[in-house]
């Protein structure tokens, strides 16, 4: 099934969710966040889905929340009313998530990649929380889980960008490949996860050890 902002395809036991706003570097509009939230909630109760592959259309994974939408809004706060639930549903997804990242994965796009269980990156991938340079807080709790405290503080306090090779060295990225083979490698990894009969159980055990970060 396809719609304007999120392309959805199921191949075997893998559900592919592709952010589909390439002209905006797949920025997370309110509509796109809502579609993602619905898709993850549906997948959680769908026994035919054993893994989720998350990617972005075009040359970028995701440039974060759509700031142009925020700037044009009469009530900016209303655009983010569901942000806590959006983060919680994805972060606590009982279905294992593989993120295929090329180009920018920054700000809210970095958060989205961090909420995946496994990350495959193209050699042109760039990660970071550059929004801190404009007074927008970083998601330190997500970053520190992935890379540990010293590097997390560096990323979240300076807003500097992390290139693919450094991301591999920091164990932020689990597989590195060229842009032309990114989706093949990512599909293979998602298929491998999906073929494991204990994948959902293993993910559930991991979640038990995670705090309820996005609950009021």
C-alpha atoms as a PDB file:
ATOM      1  CA  UNK A   1       0.000   0.000   0.000  1.00  0.00           C
ATOM      2  CA  UNK A   2       1.245   3.505  -0.781  1.00  0.00           C
ATOM      3  CA  UNK A   3       0.193   6.938   0.390  1.00  0.00           C
ATOM      4  CA  UNK A   4       1.623  10.398   0.028  1.00  0.00           C
ATOM      5  CA  UNK A   5       4.030  10.463   2.965  1.00  0.00           C
ATOM      6  CA  UNK A   6       4.652   6.831   3.938  1.00  0.00           C
ATOM      7  CA  UNK A   7       5.161   3.893   1.584  1.00  0.00           C
ATOM      8  CA  UNK A   8       4.274   0.525   3.105  1.00  0.00           C
ATOM      9  CA  UNK A   9       5.256  -2.852   1.692  1.00  0.00           C
ATOM     10  CA  UNK A  10       5.270  -6.291   3.275  1.00  0.00           C
ATOM     11  CA  UNK A  11       7.610  -8.899   1.868  1.00  0.00           C
ATOM     12  CA  UNK A  12       7.368 -12.186   3.710  1.00  0.00           C
ATOM     13  CA  UNK A  13       7.562 -11.472   7.440  1.00  0.00           C
ATOM     14  CA  UNK A  14       9.278  -8.088   6.960  1.00  0.00           C
ATOM     15  CA  UNK A  15       7.230  -4.884   6.894  1.00  0.00           C
ATOM     16  CA  UNK A  16       9.012  -2.088   5.002  1.00  0.00           C
ATOM     17  CA  UNK A  17       8.100   1.446   6.070  1.00  0.00           C
ATOM     18  CA  UNK A  18       9.664   4.083   3.809  1.00  0.00           C
ATOM     19  CA  UNK A  19       9.463   7.761   4.711  1.00  0.00           C
ATOM     20  CA  UNK A  20       8.268   9.295   1.469  1.00  0.00           C
ATOM     21  CA  UNK A  21       8.998  13.024   1.490  1.00  0.00           C
ATOM     22  CA  UNK A  22      12.291  13.087  -0.438  1.00  0.00           C
ATOM     23  CA  UNK A  23      11.813  16.717  -1.449  1.00  0.00           C
ATOM     24  CA  UNK A  24      11.931  17.587   2.282  1.00  0.00           C
ATOM     25  CA  UNK A  25      14.695  15.103   3.115  1.00  0.00           C
ATOM     26  CA  UNK A  26      11.883  13.033   4.659  1.00  0.00           C
ATOM     27  CA  UNK A  27      11.239  15.587   7.403  1.00  0.00           C
ATOM     28  CA  UNK A  28       8.752  14.369   9.991  1.00  0.00           C
ATOM     29  CA  UNK A  29       5.566  16.329   9.409  1.00  0.00           C
ATOM     30  CA  UNK A  30       2.646  15.817  11.782  1.00  0.00           C
ATOM     31  CA  UNK A  31       1.001  13.683   9.110  1.00  0.00           C
ATOM     32  CA  UNK A  32       4.056  11.481   8.650  1.00  0.00           C
ATOM     33  CA  UNK A  33       4.492  11.002  12.396  1.00  0.00           C
ATOM     34  CA  UNK A  34       0.850  10.011  12.627  1.00  0.00           C
ATOM     35  CA  UNK A  35       1.190   7.487   9.792  1.00  0.00           C
ATOM     36  CA  UNK A  36       4.293   5.996  11.391  1.00  0.00           C
ATOM     37  CA  UNK A  37       2.576   5.739  14.749  1.00  0.00           C
ATOM     38  CA  UNK A  38      -0.402   3.942  13.181  1.00  0.00           C
ATOM     39  CA  UNK A  39       1.867   1.594  11.213  1.00  0.00           C
ATOM     40  CA  UNK A  40       3.867   0.610  14.279  1.00  0.00           C
ATOM     41  CA  UNK A  41       0.742   0.046  16.337  1.00  0.00           C
ATOM     42  CA  UNK A  42      -0.749  -2.124  13.585  1.00  0.00           C
ATOM     43  CA  UNK A  43       2.473  -4.125  13.253  1.00  0.00           C
ATOM     44  CA  UNK A  44       2.559  -4.816  16.984  1.00  0.00           C
ATOM     45  CA  UNK A  45      -0.683  -6.798  16.733  1.00  0.00           C
ATOM     46  CA  UNK A  46       0.003  -8.399  13.341  1.00  0.00           C
ATOM     47  CA  UNK A  47       1.368 -11.930  13.744  1.00  0.00           C
ATOM     48  CA  UNK A  48       2.488 -11.974  10.105  1.00  0.00           C
ATOM     49  CA  UNK A  49       5.076  -9.245  10.805  1.00  0.00           C
ATOM     50  CA  UNK A  50       8.278 -10.408  12.503  1.00  0.00           C
ATOM     51  CA  UNK A  51      10.545  -7.446  11.649  1.00  0.00           C
ATOM     52  CA  UNK A  52      10.229  -3.860  10.458  1.00  0.00           C
ATOM     53  CA  UNK A  53      12.597  -2.284   7.929  1.00  0.00           C
ATOM     54  CA  UNK A  54      12.645   1.507   8.163  1.00  0.00           C
ATOM     55  CA  UNK A  55      14.137   3.650   5.390  1.00  0.00           C
ATOM     56  CA  UNK A  56      13.851   7.009   3.655  1.00  0.00           C
ATOM     57  CA  UNK A  57      13.050   7.712   0.017  1.00  0.00           C
ATOM     58  CA  UNK A  58      15.715   9.433  -2.045  1.00  0.00           C
ATOM     59  CA  UNK A  59      19.165  10.381  -0.787  1.00  0.00           C
ATOM     60  CA  UNK A  60      18.379  10.939   2.899  1.00  0.00           C
ATOM     61  CA  UNK A  61      16.967   8.989   5.806  1.00  0.00           C
ATOM     62  CA  UNK A  62      15.350  11.841   7.740  1.00  0.00           C
ATOM     63  CA  UNK A  63      16.192  15.462   8.504  1.00  0.00           C
ATOM     64  CA  UNK A  64      14.121  15.583  11.692  1.00  0.00           C
ATOM     65  CA  UNK A  65      10.857  17.313  12.499  1.00  0.00           C
ATOM     66  CA  UNK A  66       9.498  19.596   9.782  1.00  0.00           C
ATOM     67  CA  UNK A  67      10.550  23.059  10.959  1.00  0.00           C
ATOM     68  CA  UNK A  68       8.797  24.804   8.051  1.00  0.00           C
ATOM     69  CA  UNK A  69       5.520  23.310   9.281  1.00  0.00           C
ATOM     70  CA  UNK A  70       6.315  24.541  12.767  1.00  0.00           C
ATOM     71  CA  UNK A  71       7.108  28.053  11.554  1.00  0.00           C
ATOM     72  CA  UNK A  72       3.816  28.287   9.647  1.00  0.00           C
ATOM     73  CA  UNK A  73       1.630  26.917  12.429  1.00  0.00           C
ATOM     74  CA  UNK A  74      -0.805  29.160  14.309  1.00  0.00           C
ATOM     75  CA  UNK A  75      -0.458  26.872  17.323  1.00  0.00           C
ATOM     76  CA  UNK A  76       3.024  25.273  17.186  1.00  0.00           C
ATOM     77  CA  UNK A  77       2.466  23.353  20.419  1.00  0.00           C
ATOM     78  CA  UNK A  78      -0.484  21.505  18.881  1.00  0.00           C
ATOM     79  CA  UNK A  79       1.807  20.042  16.206  1.00  0.00           C
ATOM     80  CA  UNK A  80       3.780  18.246  18.895  1.00  0.00           C
ATOM     81  CA  UNK A  81       0.880  17.172  21.089  1.00  0.00           C
ATOM     82  CA  UNK A  82       1.394  13.550  20.045  1.00  0.00           C
ATOM     83  CA  UNK A  83       5.199  13.601  20.121  1.00  0.00           C
ATOM     84  CA  UNK A  84       5.474  11.680  23.388  1.00  0.00           C
ATOM     85  CA  UNK A  85       3.179   8.913  22.190  1.00  0.00           C
ATOM     86  CA  UNK A  86       4.930   8.784  18.805  1.00  0.00           C
ATOM     87  CA  UNK A  87       8.300   8.256  20.495  1.00  0.00           C
ATOM     88  CA  UNK A  88       6.966   5.775  23.020  1.00  0.00           C
ATOM     89  CA  UNK A  89       5.185   3.544  20.492  1.00  0.00           C
ATOM     90  CA  UNK A  90       8.243   3.286  18.235  1.00  0.00           C
ATOM     91  CA  UNK A  91      10.796   2.979  21.029  1.00  0.00           C
ATOM     92  CA  UNK A  92       8.760   0.267  22.757  1.00  0.00           C
ATOM     93  CA  UNK A  93       7.817  -1.570  19.563  1.00  0.00           C
ATOM     94  CA  UNK A  94       7.657  -5.314  20.298  1.00  0.00           C
ATOM     95  CA  UNK A  95       8.634  -5.895  16.664  1.00  0.00           C
ATOM     96  CA  UNK A  96      12.394  -5.670  15.984  1.00  0.00           C
ATOM     97  CA  UNK A  97      13.339  -2.680  13.819  1.00  0.00           C
ATOM     98  CA  UNK A  98      16.151  -2.403  11.274  1.00  0.00           C
ATOM     99  CA  UNK A  99      16.941   1.132  10.051  1.00  0.00           C
ATOM    100  CA  UNK A 100      18.538   1.624   6.627  1.00  0.00           C
ATOM    101  CA  UNK A 101      20.304   4.983   6.774  1.00  0.00           C
ATOM    102  CA  UNK A 102      21.836   7.036   4.009  1.00  0.00           C
ATOM    103  CA  UNK A 103      22.465  10.756   3.897  1.00  0.00           C
ATOM    104  CA  UNK A 104      21.119  12.793   6.796  1.00  0.00           C
ATOM    105  CA  UNK A 105      19.833  11.189   9.983  1.00  0.00           C
ATOM    106  CA  UNK A 106      19.782  14.275  12.163  1.00  0.00           C
ATOM    107  CA  UNK A 107      17.725  15.778  14.973  1.00  0.00           C
ATOM    108  CA  UNK A 108      14.421  13.875  15.085  1.00  0.00           C
ATOM    109  CA  UNK A 109      15.698  11.723  12.229  1.00  0.00           C
ATOM    110  CA  UNK A 110      18.629  10.662  14.395  1.00  0.00           C
ATOM    111  CA  UNK A 111      16.160   9.895  17.182  1.00  0.00           C
ATOM    112  CA  UNK A 112      14.179   7.709  14.797  1.00  0.00           C
ATOM    113  CA  UNK A 113      17.290   5.788  13.763  1.00  0.00           C
ATOM    114  CA  UNK A 114      18.300   5.404  17.409  1.00  0.00           C
ATOM    115  CA  UNK A 115      14.928   3.853  18.242  1.00  0.00           C
ATOM    116  CA  UNK A 116      15.696   1.045  15.789  1.00  0.00           C
ATOM    117  CA  UNK A 117      17.293  -2.111  17.174  1.00  0.00           C
ATOM    118  CA  UNK A 118      19.829  -2.406  14.356  1.00  0.00           C
ATOM    119  CA  UNK A 119      21.219   0.226  12.008  1.00  0.00           C
ATOM    120  CA  UNK A 120      22.668  -0.321   8.536  1.00  0.00           C
ATOM    121  CA  UNK A 121      24.408   2.779   7.200  1.00  0.00           C
ATOM    122  CA  UNK A 122      25.613   3.807   3.790  1.00  0.00           C
ATOM    123  CA  UNK A 123      29.051   5.348   3.593  1.00  0.00           C
ATOM    124  CA  UNK A 124      27.440   8.767   3.016  1.00  0.00           C
ATOM    125  CA  UNK A 125      25.383   8.637   6.231  1.00  0.00           C
ATOM    126  CA  UNK A 126      25.607  11.523   8.690  1.00  0.00           C
ATOM    127  CA  UNK A 127      24.240  11.451  12.251  1.00  0.00           C
ATOM    128  CA  UNK A 128      23.799  14.152  14.858  1.00  0.00           C
ATOM    129  CA  UNK A 129      21.750  16.533  16.960  1.00  0.00           C
ATOM    130  CA  UNK A 130      22.535  19.875  15.257  1.00  0.00           C
ATOM    131  CA  UNK A 131      19.296  21.392  16.537  1.00  0.00           C
ATOM    132  CA  UNK A 132      21.064  22.207  19.822  1.00  0.00           C
ATOM    133  CA  UNK A 133      22.761  25.072  18.011  1.00  0.00           C
ATOM    134  CA  UNK A 134      19.295  26.657  17.776  1.00  0.00           C
ATOM    135  CA  UNK A 135      18.300  26.021  21.371  1.00  0.00           C
ATOM    136  CA  UNK A 136      16.337  22.804  20.715  1.00  0.00           C
ATOM    137  CA  UNK A 137      17.264  20.081  23.239  1.00  0.00           C
ATOM    138  CA  UNK A 138      18.970  16.876  22.147  1.00  0.00           C
ATOM    139  CA  UNK A 139      17.640  13.403  22.957  1.00  0.00           C
ATOM    140  CA  UNK A 140      20.530  12.550  25.259  1.00  0.00           C
ATOM    141  CA  UNK A 141      18.839   9.444  26.679  1.00  0.00           C
ATOM    142  CA  UNK A 142      18.581   7.838  23.234  1.00  0.00           C
ATOM    143  CA  UNK A 143      22.106   8.820  22.221  1.00  0.00           C
ATOM    144  CA  UNK A 144      23.753   7.626  25.437  1.00  0.00           C
ATOM    145  CA  UNK A 145      22.172   4.182  25.091  1.00  0.00           C
ATOM    146  CA  UNK A 146      23.762   3.824  21.668  1.00  0.00           C
ATOM    147  CA  UNK A 147      27.251   5.274  22.166  1.00  0.00           C
ATOM    148  CA  UNK A 148      27.888   5.729  25.880  1.00  0.00           C
ATOM    149  CA  UNK A 149      28.214   8.867  27.968  1.00  0.00           C
ATOM    150  CA  UNK A 150      31.421  10.585  26.765  1.00  0.00           C
ATOM    151  CA  UNK A 151      30.490  10.586  23.076  1.00  0.00           C
ATOM    152  CA  UNK A 152      26.819  11.265  23.841  1.00  0.00           C
ATOM    153  CA  UNK A 153      27.764  14.413  25.739  1.00  0.00           C
ATOM    154  CA  UNK A 154      29.998  15.482  22.853  1.00  0.00           C
ATOM    155  CA  UNK A 155      27.221  15.007  20.287  1.00  0.00           C
ATOM    156  CA  UNK A 156      24.473  16.555  22.402  1.00  0.00           C
ATOM    157  CA  UNK A 157      26.412  19.567  23.694  1.00  0.00           C
ATOM    158  CA  UNK A 158      28.272  20.574  20.524  1.00  0.00           C
ATOM    159  CA  UNK A 159      25.742  19.623  17.856  1.00  0.00           C
ATOM    160  CA  UNK A 160      28.555  18.288  15.684  1.00  0.00           C
ATOM    161  CA  UNK A 161      27.866  15.688  13.024  1.00  0.00           C
ATOM    162  CA  UNK A 162      29.127  12.106  13.128  1.00  0.00           C
ATOM    163  CA  UNK A 163      30.159  10.607   9.800  1.00  0.00           C
ATOM    164  CA  UNK A 164      29.637   6.965   8.906  1.00  0.00           C
ATOM    165  CA  UNK A 165      33.145   5.722   9.697  1.00  0.00           C
ATOM    166  CA  UNK A 166      33.103   7.280  13.172  1.00  0.00           C
ATOM    167  CA  UNK A 167      29.611   5.871  13.709  1.00  0.00           C
ATOM    168  CA  UNK A 168      30.928   2.376  12.983  1.00  0.00           C
ATOM    169  CA  UNK A 169      33.869   2.844  15.355  1.00  0.00           C
ATOM    170  CA  UNK A 170      31.460   4.049  18.060  1.00  0.00           C
ATOM    171  CA  UNK A 171      29.225   0.997  17.446  1.00  0.00           C
ATOM    172  CA  UNK A 172      26.349   3.272  16.574  1.00  0.00           C
ATOM    173  CA  UNK A 173      26.130   1.446  13.235  1.00  0.00           C
ATOM    174  CA  UNK A 174      25.921  -2.344  12.982  1.00  0.00           C
ATOM    175  CA  UNK A 175      26.601  -2.726   9.234  1.00  0.00           C
ATOM    176  CA  UNK A 176      28.300  -0.342   6.776  1.00  0.00           C
ATOM    177  CA  UNK A 177      27.878  -0.561   3.017  1.00  0.00           C
ATOM    178  CA  UNK A 178      27.806   1.569  -0.112  1.00  0.00           C
ATOM    179  CA  UNK A 179      24.707   3.621  -0.975  1.00  0.00           C
ATOM    180  CA  UNK A 180      24.001   1.365  -3.958  1.00  0.00           C
ATOM    181  CA  UNK A 181      23.834  -1.770  -1.779  1.00  0.00           C
ATOM    182  CA  UNK A 182      22.202  -0.246   1.304  1.00  0.00           C
ATOM    183  CA  UNK A 183      18.748  -1.660   0.735  1.00  0.00           C
ATOM    184  CA  UNK A 184      19.982  -5.120  -0.269  1.00  0.00           C
ATOM    185  CA  UNK A 185      22.071  -5.388   2.896  1.00  0.00           C
ATOM    186  CA  UNK A 186      19.256  -3.972   5.019  1.00  0.00           C
ATOM    187  CA  UNK A 187      16.657  -6.353   3.585  1.00  0.00           C
ATOM    188  CA  UNK A 188      18.988  -9.289   4.202  1.00  0.00           C
ATOM    189  CA  UNK A 189      19.474  -8.261   7.829  1.00  0.00           C
ATOM    190  CA  UNK A 190      15.736  -7.732   8.348  1.00  0.00           C
ATOM    191  CA  UNK A 191      15.028 -11.137   6.804  1.00  0.00           C
ATOM    192  CA  UNK A 192      17.598 -12.711   9.121  1.00  0.00           C
ATOM    193  CA  UNK A 193      15.945 -11.123  12.156  1.00  0.00           C
ATOM    194  CA  UNK A 194      12.473 -12.115  10.954  1.00  0.00           C
ATOM    195  CA  UNK A 195      13.525 -15.725  10.390  1.00  0.00           C
ATOM    196  CA  UNK A 196      14.507 -16.063  14.040  1.00  0.00           C
ATOM    197  CA  UNK A 197      11.512 -17.603  15.807  1.00  0.00           C
ATOM    198  CA  UNK A 198      12.640 -15.996  19.055  1.00  0.00           C
ATOM    199  CA  UNK A 199      12.984 -12.465  17.690  1.00  0.00           C
ATOM    200  CA  UNK A 200       9.827 -11.125  19.327  1.00  0.00           C
ATOM    201  CA  UNK A 201      10.661 -12.819  22.628  1.00  0.00           C
ATOM    202  CA  UNK A 202      14.184 -11.451  22.565  1.00  0.00           C
ATOM    203  CA  UNK A 203      12.910  -7.959  21.841  1.00  0.00           C
ATOM    204  CA  UNK A 204      10.421  -8.255  24.706  1.00  0.00           C
ATOM    205  CA  UNK A 205      13.227  -9.197  27.079  1.00  0.00           C
ATOM    206  CA  UNK A 206      15.206  -6.145  25.968  1.00  0.00           C
ATOM    207  CA  UNK A 207      12.201  -3.866  26.516  1.00  0.00           C
ATOM    208  CA  UNK A 208      11.707  -5.130  30.056  1.00  0.00           C
ATOM    209  CA  UNK A 209      15.093  -3.638  30.869  1.00  0.00           C
ATOM    210  CA  UNK A 210      14.237  -0.223  29.424  1.00  0.00           C
ATOM    211  CA  UNK A 211      12.733   2.616  31.516  1.00  0.00           C
ATOM    212  CA  UNK A 212       9.390   4.164  30.570  1.00  0.00           C
ATOM    213  CA  UNK A 213      10.972   7.271  29.072  1.00  0.00           C
ATOM    214  CA  UNK A 214       8.074   8.739  27.204  1.00  0.00           C
ATOM    215  CA  UNK A 215       5.281   8.294  29.746  1.00  0.00           C
ATOM    216  CA  UNK A 216       3.882  11.214  31.675  1.00  0.00           C
END
